[in-house]
């Protein structure tokens, strides 16, 4: 079996952080403040008409906690980062879709969010890359909705994804993360 080096930057998929197989990240603010070092498990490339987004699936040392570290490169080539947690997943439901198309969503705890972009959802192409195996795991299409609300003076986000291959709605709740609150180690 061919062994892939942990030092080489992954270039097979959109990777704005330039992670390698041995890259890690830790947080000094937000939900994951001082909870240890996280490894990268997958890179999810989301391509829309407007932009490409990288979602890094990260997990703790024991692989008991999994989060999504989303990175978007803005017009000035600056990175904007968000930390999300999958809070709920369920099969396609027409009534839920109608609610999203009206420009709002309610999470499982009953908190209401307002739409930030288009009520009909953003069409996207998704590619999932497994960092450990070094292989493209799957490709699919999706619709994505982005909602937000103010909570304790901070903006909280609710991203909802409906993938074509599974027909499942997945709800991710998260927050923006300034670069001073995370430390990225490229590894090697």
C-alpha atoms as a PDB file:
ATOM      1  CA  UNK A   1       0.000   0.000   0.000  1.00  0.00           C
ATOM      2  CA  UNK A   2       1.244   3.454  -0.903  1.00  0.00           C
ATOM      3  CA  UNK A   3       1.867   5.728   2.108  1.00  0.00           C
ATOM      4  CA  UNK A   4       0.971   9.389   1.642  1.00  0.00           C
ATOM      5  CA  UNK A   5       3.164  11.919   3.396  1.00  0.00           C
ATOM      6  CA  UNK A   6       1.526  14.137   6.003  1.00  0.00           C
ATOM      7  CA  UNK A   7       3.689  17.078   4.883  1.00  0.00           C
ATOM      8  CA  UNK A   8       2.231  17.759   1.444  1.00  0.00           C
ATOM      9  CA  UNK A   9      -0.513  20.403   1.106  1.00  0.00           C
ATOM     10  CA  UNK A  10      -3.751  18.848  -0.157  1.00  0.00           C
ATOM     11  CA  UNK A  11      -4.391  20.209  -3.644  1.00  0.00           C
ATOM     12  CA  UNK A  12      -7.058  17.797  -4.955  1.00  0.00           C
ATOM     13  CA  UNK A  13      -9.869  19.993  -3.630  1.00  0.00           C
ATOM     14  CA  UNK A  14     -10.408  23.644  -2.651  1.00  0.00           C
ATOM     15  CA  UNK A  15      -8.235  24.112   0.438  1.00  0.00           C
ATOM     16  CA  UNK A  16      -7.749  27.803   1.379  1.00  0.00           C
ATOM     17  CA  UNK A  17      -6.112  26.908   4.722  1.00  0.00           C
ATOM     18  CA  UNK A  18      -3.538  24.797   2.844  1.00  0.00           C
ATOM     19  CA  UNK A  19      -3.910  21.896   5.272  1.00  0.00           C
ATOM     20  CA  UNK A  20      -1.871  18.710   5.096  1.00  0.00           C
ATOM     21  CA  UNK A  21      -2.835  15.260   6.370  1.00  0.00           C
ATOM     22  CA  UNK A  22      -1.183  16.116   9.705  1.00  0.00           C
ATOM     23  CA  UNK A  23      -2.607  19.633  10.179  1.00  0.00           C
ATOM     24  CA  UNK A  24      -4.338  20.568  13.442  1.00  0.00           C
ATOM     25  CA  UNK A  25      -6.238  23.528  14.865  1.00  0.00           C
ATOM     26  CA  UNK A  26      -7.054  24.826  18.358  1.00  0.00           C
ATOM     27  CA  UNK A  27      -9.324  27.593  19.624  1.00  0.00           C
ATOM     28  CA  UNK A  28      -8.847  30.320  22.241  1.00  0.00           C
ATOM     29  CA  UNK A  29     -12.366  31.753  21.903  1.00  0.00           C
ATOM     30  CA  UNK A  30     -15.931  30.713  21.212  1.00  0.00           C
ATOM     31  CA  UNK A  31     -17.557  27.352  21.824  1.00  0.00           C
ATOM     32  CA  UNK A  32     -14.311  25.361  21.509  1.00  0.00           C
ATOM     33  CA  UNK A  33     -12.216  27.653  23.677  1.00  0.00           C
ATOM     34  CA  UNK A  34      -9.429  25.728  25.420  1.00  0.00           C
ATOM     35  CA  UNK A  35     -10.903  22.313  24.538  1.00  0.00           C
ATOM     36  CA  UNK A  36      -7.706  20.974  22.984  1.00  0.00           C
ATOM     37  CA  UNK A  37      -6.350  20.342  19.548  1.00  0.00           C
ATOM     38  CA  UNK A  38      -8.576  19.225  16.672  1.00  0.00           C
ATOM     39  CA  UNK A  39      -7.599  17.187  13.613  1.00  0.00           C
ATOM     40  CA  UNK A  40      -8.969  17.546  10.104  1.00  0.00           C
ATOM     41  CA  UNK A  41     -11.060  14.622   8.839  1.00  0.00           C
ATOM     42  CA  UNK A  42     -12.690  15.828   5.636  1.00  0.00           C
ATOM     43  CA  UNK A  43     -12.750  18.817   3.331  1.00  0.00           C
ATOM     44  CA  UNK A  44     -16.153  19.624   1.851  1.00  0.00           C
ATOM     45  CA  UNK A  45     -15.969  21.898  -1.179  1.00  0.00           C
ATOM     46  CA  UNK A  46     -19.182  23.819  -1.835  1.00  0.00           C
ATOM     47  CA  UNK A  47     -19.296  25.621  -5.156  1.00  0.00           C
ATOM     48  CA  UNK A  48     -22.066  28.097  -5.947  1.00  0.00           C
ATOM     49  CA  UNK A  49     -22.348  30.652  -8.736  1.00  0.00           C
ATOM     50  CA  UNK A  50     -21.018  33.345  -6.420  1.00  0.00           C
ATOM     51  CA  UNK A  51     -18.158  31.604  -4.597  1.00  0.00           C
ATOM     52  CA  UNK A  52     -16.399  28.493  -3.378  1.00  0.00           C
ATOM     53  CA  UNK A  53     -16.612  27.580   0.298  1.00  0.00           C
ATOM     54  CA  UNK A  54     -14.443  25.091   2.194  1.00  0.00           C
ATOM     55  CA  UNK A  55     -15.956  23.219   5.106  1.00  0.00           C
ATOM     56  CA  UNK A  56     -13.341  21.413   7.148  1.00  0.00           C
ATOM     57  CA  UNK A  57     -14.775  18.626   9.289  1.00  0.00           C
ATOM     58  CA  UNK A  58     -12.667  18.641  12.459  1.00  0.00           C
ATOM     59  CA  UNK A  59     -12.704  16.264  15.406  1.00  0.00           C
ATOM     60  CA  UNK A  60     -11.130  16.062  18.837  1.00  0.00           C
ATOM     61  CA  UNK A  61      -8.384  13.649  19.842  1.00  0.00           C
ATOM     62  CA  UNK A  62     -10.834  10.949  20.960  1.00  0.00           C
ATOM     63  CA  UNK A  63     -13.022  11.423  17.845  1.00  0.00           C
ATOM     64  CA  UNK A  64     -16.048  11.958  20.104  1.00  0.00           C
ATOM     65  CA  UNK A  65     -16.759  15.564  19.065  1.00  0.00           C
ATOM     66  CA  UNK A  66     -17.095  16.679  15.465  1.00  0.00           C
ATOM     67  CA  UNK A  67     -17.477  20.238  14.167  1.00  0.00           C
ATOM     68  CA  UNK A  68     -17.397  22.069  10.852  1.00  0.00           C
ATOM     69  CA  UNK A  69     -14.863  24.854  10.425  1.00  0.00           C
ATOM     70  CA  UNK A  70     -16.077  26.814   7.388  1.00  0.00           C
ATOM     71  CA  UNK A  71     -13.709  29.110   5.503  1.00  0.00           C
ATOM     72  CA  UNK A  72     -14.690  31.629   2.855  1.00  0.00           C
ATOM     73  CA  UNK A  73     -12.229  33.804   0.961  1.00  0.00           C
ATOM     74  CA  UNK A  74     -13.610  37.326   0.435  1.00  0.00           C
ATOM     75  CA  UNK A  75     -12.943  39.756  -2.443  1.00  0.00           C
ATOM     76  CA  UNK A  76      -9.721  40.956  -0.750  1.00  0.00           C
ATOM     77  CA  UNK A  77      -8.453  37.353  -0.400  1.00  0.00           C
ATOM     78  CA  UNK A  78      -9.001  37.571   3.369  1.00  0.00           C
ATOM     79  CA  UNK A  79     -10.351  34.460   5.058  1.00  0.00           C
ATOM     80  CA  UNK A  80     -13.645  34.591   6.956  1.00  0.00           C
ATOM     81  CA  UNK A  81     -14.154  31.659   9.314  1.00  0.00           C
ATOM     82  CA  UNK A  82     -17.209  30.130  10.982  1.00  0.00           C
ATOM     83  CA  UNK A  83     -17.548  27.256  13.416  1.00  0.00           C
ATOM     84  CA  UNK A  84     -20.640  25.055  13.049  1.00  0.00           C
ATOM     85  CA  UNK A  85     -22.072  22.045  14.794  1.00  0.00           C
ATOM     86  CA  UNK A  86     -24.561  19.655  13.223  1.00  0.00           C
ATOM     87  CA  UNK A  87     -27.628  19.954  15.454  1.00  0.00           C
ATOM     88  CA  UNK A  88     -30.288  18.024  13.561  1.00  0.00           C
ATOM     89  CA  UNK A  89     -30.867  15.918  10.449  1.00  0.00           C
ATOM     90  CA  UNK A  90     -34.111  14.550   9.034  1.00  0.00           C
ATOM     91  CA  UNK A  91     -35.581  13.317   5.740  1.00  0.00           C
ATOM     92  CA  UNK A  92     -37.094  15.692   3.202  1.00  0.00           C
ATOM     93  CA  UNK A  93     -40.353  17.276   4.382  1.00  0.00           C
ATOM     94  CA  UNK A  94     -42.458  19.529   2.124  1.00  0.00           C
ATOM     95  CA  UNK A  95     -43.791  21.698   4.991  1.00  0.00           C
ATOM     96  CA  UNK A  96     -40.261  22.454   6.210  1.00  0.00           C
ATOM     97  CA  UNK A  97     -39.227  23.430   2.676  1.00  0.00           C
ATOM     98  CA  UNK A  98     -42.198  25.830   2.444  1.00  0.00           C
ATOM     99  CA  UNK A  99     -41.121  27.464   5.719  1.00  0.00           C
ATOM    100  CA  UNK A 100     -37.589  27.989   4.375  1.00  0.00           C
ATOM    101  CA  UNK A 101     -38.946  29.518   1.183  1.00  0.00           C
ATOM    102  CA  UNK A 102     -40.806  32.085   3.302  1.00  0.00           C
ATOM    103  CA  UNK A 103     -37.454  33.352   4.582  1.00  0.00           C
ATOM    104  CA  UNK A 104     -37.308  31.993   8.109  1.00  0.00           C
ATOM    105  CA  UNK A 105     -36.436  28.838  10.011  1.00  0.00           C
ATOM    106  CA  UNK A 106     -36.907  27.524  13.531  1.00  0.00           C
ATOM    107  CA  UNK A 107     -34.278  25.270  15.104  1.00  0.00           C
ATOM    108  CA  UNK A 108     -35.157  22.230  17.290  1.00  0.00           C
ATOM    109  CA  UNK A 109     -35.002  24.442  20.433  1.00  0.00           C
ATOM    110  CA  UNK A 110     -37.629  26.812  18.987  1.00  0.00           C
ATOM    111  CA  UNK A 111     -35.307  29.738  18.174  1.00  0.00           C
ATOM    112  CA  UNK A 112     -36.314  31.662  15.061  1.00  0.00           C
ATOM    113  CA  UNK A 113     -33.823  32.740  12.388  1.00  0.00           C
ATOM    114  CA  UNK A 114     -34.311  35.102   9.441  1.00  0.00           C
ATOM    115  CA  UNK A 115     -33.002  34.489   5.931  1.00  0.00           C
ATOM    116  CA  UNK A 116     -29.799  36.207   4.890  1.00  0.00           C
ATOM    117  CA  UNK A 117     -29.671  35.345   1.199  1.00  0.00           C
ATOM    118  CA  UNK A 118     -32.292  33.859  -1.150  1.00  0.00           C
ATOM    119  CA  UNK A 119     -35.436  32.247   0.194  1.00  0.00           C
ATOM    120  CA  UNK A 120     -35.421  29.659  -2.613  1.00  0.00           C
ATOM    121  CA  UNK A 121     -31.989  28.424  -1.511  1.00  0.00           C
ATOM    122  CA  UNK A 122     -28.606  28.530  -3.145  1.00  0.00           C
ATOM    123  CA  UNK A 123     -27.810  25.764  -5.611  1.00  0.00           C
ATOM    124  CA  UNK A 124     -24.421  24.200  -4.984  1.00  0.00           C
ATOM    125  CA  UNK A 125     -22.144  21.428  -6.170  1.00  0.00           C
ATOM    126  CA  UNK A 126     -20.568  19.528  -3.291  1.00  0.00           C
ATOM    127  CA  UNK A 127     -17.413  17.422  -3.283  1.00  0.00           C
ATOM    128  CA  UNK A 128     -16.251  15.569  -0.154  1.00  0.00           C
ATOM    129  CA  UNK A 129     -12.573  14.714   0.266  1.00  0.00           C
ATOM    130  CA  UNK A 130     -11.327  12.329   2.973  1.00  0.00           C
ATOM    131  CA  UNK A 131      -8.107  13.762   4.447  1.00  0.00           C
ATOM    132  CA  UNK A 132      -6.964  10.441   5.913  1.00  0.00           C
ATOM    133  CA  UNK A 133      -7.326   8.342   2.755  1.00  0.00           C
ATOM    134  CA  UNK A 134      -6.448  11.157   0.352  1.00  0.00           C
ATOM    135  CA  UNK A 135      -9.422  10.369  -1.861  1.00  0.00           C
ATOM    136  CA  UNK A 136     -12.534  12.062  -3.143  1.00  0.00           C
ATOM    137  CA  UNK A 137     -15.367  10.377  -1.228  1.00  0.00           C
ATOM    138  CA  UNK A 138     -18.439  11.647  -3.072  1.00  0.00           C
ATOM    139  CA  UNK A 139     -19.929  14.330  -5.283  1.00  0.00           C
ATOM    140  CA  UNK A 140     -23.505  15.594  -5.132  1.00  0.00           C
ATOM    141  CA  UNK A 141     -25.691  18.617  -5.589  1.00  0.00           C
ATOM    142  CA  UNK A 142     -27.430  20.553  -2.836  1.00  0.00           C
ATOM    143  CA  UNK A 143     -29.566  23.519  -1.919  1.00  0.00           C
ATOM    144  CA  UNK A 144     -28.339  25.657   0.948  1.00  0.00           C
ATOM    145  CA  UNK A 145     -30.145  28.261   3.044  1.00  0.00           C
ATOM    146  CA  UNK A 146     -28.355  30.694   5.352  1.00  0.00           C
ATOM    147  CA  UNK A 147     -30.200  32.211   8.311  1.00  0.00           C
ATOM    148  CA  UNK A 148     -29.127  34.328  11.260  1.00  0.00           C
ATOM    149  CA  UNK A 149     -30.334  35.819  14.528  1.00  0.00           C
ATOM    150  CA  UNK A 150     -28.925  38.036  17.264  1.00  0.00           C
ATOM    151  CA  UNK A 151     -28.270  36.290  20.583  1.00  0.00           C
ATOM    152  CA  UNK A 152     -26.566  38.040  23.509  1.00  0.00           C
ATOM    153  CA  UNK A 153     -25.160  40.719  21.201  1.00  0.00           C
ATOM    154  CA  UNK A 154     -23.617  38.137  18.849  1.00  0.00           C
ATOM    155  CA  UNK A 155     -24.810  36.885  15.472  1.00  0.00           C
ATOM    156  CA  UNK A 156     -25.724  33.201  15.485  1.00  0.00           C
ATOM    157  CA  UNK A 157     -26.028  31.379  12.165  1.00  0.00           C
ATOM    158  CA  UNK A 158     -28.211  28.506  11.051  1.00  0.00           C
ATOM    159  CA  UNK A 159     -27.144  26.874   7.794  1.00  0.00           C
ATOM    160  CA  UNK A 160     -29.512  24.348   6.293  1.00  0.00           C
ATOM    161  CA  UNK A 161     -28.440  21.944   3.600  1.00  0.00           C
ATOM    162  CA  UNK A 162     -30.596  19.636   1.466  1.00  0.00           C
ATOM    163  CA  UNK A 163     -28.439  17.200  -0.500  1.00  0.00           C
ATOM    164  CA  UNK A 164     -29.615  15.491  -3.674  1.00  0.00           C
ATOM    165  CA  UNK A 165     -28.055  12.101  -3.002  1.00  0.00           C
ATOM    166  CA  UNK A 166     -29.606  11.546   0.433  1.00  0.00           C
ATOM    167  CA  UNK A 167     -32.668  13.813   0.401  1.00  0.00           C
ATOM    168  CA  UNK A 168     -31.849  14.760   3.993  1.00  0.00           C
ATOM    169  CA  UNK A 169     -32.102  18.191   5.584  1.00  0.00           C
ATOM    170  CA  UNK A 170     -29.095  18.905   7.807  1.00  0.00           C
ATOM    171  CA  UNK A 171     -29.139  21.868  10.214  1.00  0.00           C
ATOM    172  CA  UNK A 172     -25.858  23.439  11.340  1.00  0.00           C
ATOM    173  CA  UNK A 173     -25.749  26.092  14.079  1.00  0.00           C
ATOM    174  CA  UNK A 174     -22.680  28.265  14.434  1.00  0.00           C
ATOM    175  CA  UNK A 175     -20.818  31.495  14.938  1.00  0.00           C
ATOM    176  CA  UNK A 176     -18.142  33.527  13.171  1.00  0.00           C
ATOM    177  CA  UNK A 177     -14.597  33.048  14.464  1.00  0.00           C
ATOM    178  CA  UNK A 178     -12.027  35.832  14.207  1.00  0.00           C
ATOM    179  CA  UNK A 179      -8.543  34.658  13.240  1.00  0.00           C
ATOM    180  CA  UNK A 180      -7.165  35.782  16.612  1.00  0.00           C
ATOM    181  CA  UNK A 181      -9.287  33.059  18.279  1.00  0.00           C
ATOM    182  CA  UNK A 182      -7.889  30.051  16.439  1.00  0.00           C
ATOM    183  CA  UNK A 183      -4.393  28.765  15.827  1.00  0.00           C
ATOM    184  CA  UNK A 184      -3.753  26.637  12.762  1.00  0.00           C
ATOM    185  CA  UNK A 185      -0.796  24.255  12.652  1.00  0.00           C
ATOM    186  CA  UNK A 186       0.012  23.080   9.152  1.00  0.00           C
ATOM    187  CA  UNK A 187       1.884  20.025  10.378  1.00  0.00           C
ATOM    188  CA  UNK A 188       4.664  18.167   8.730  1.00  0.00           C
END
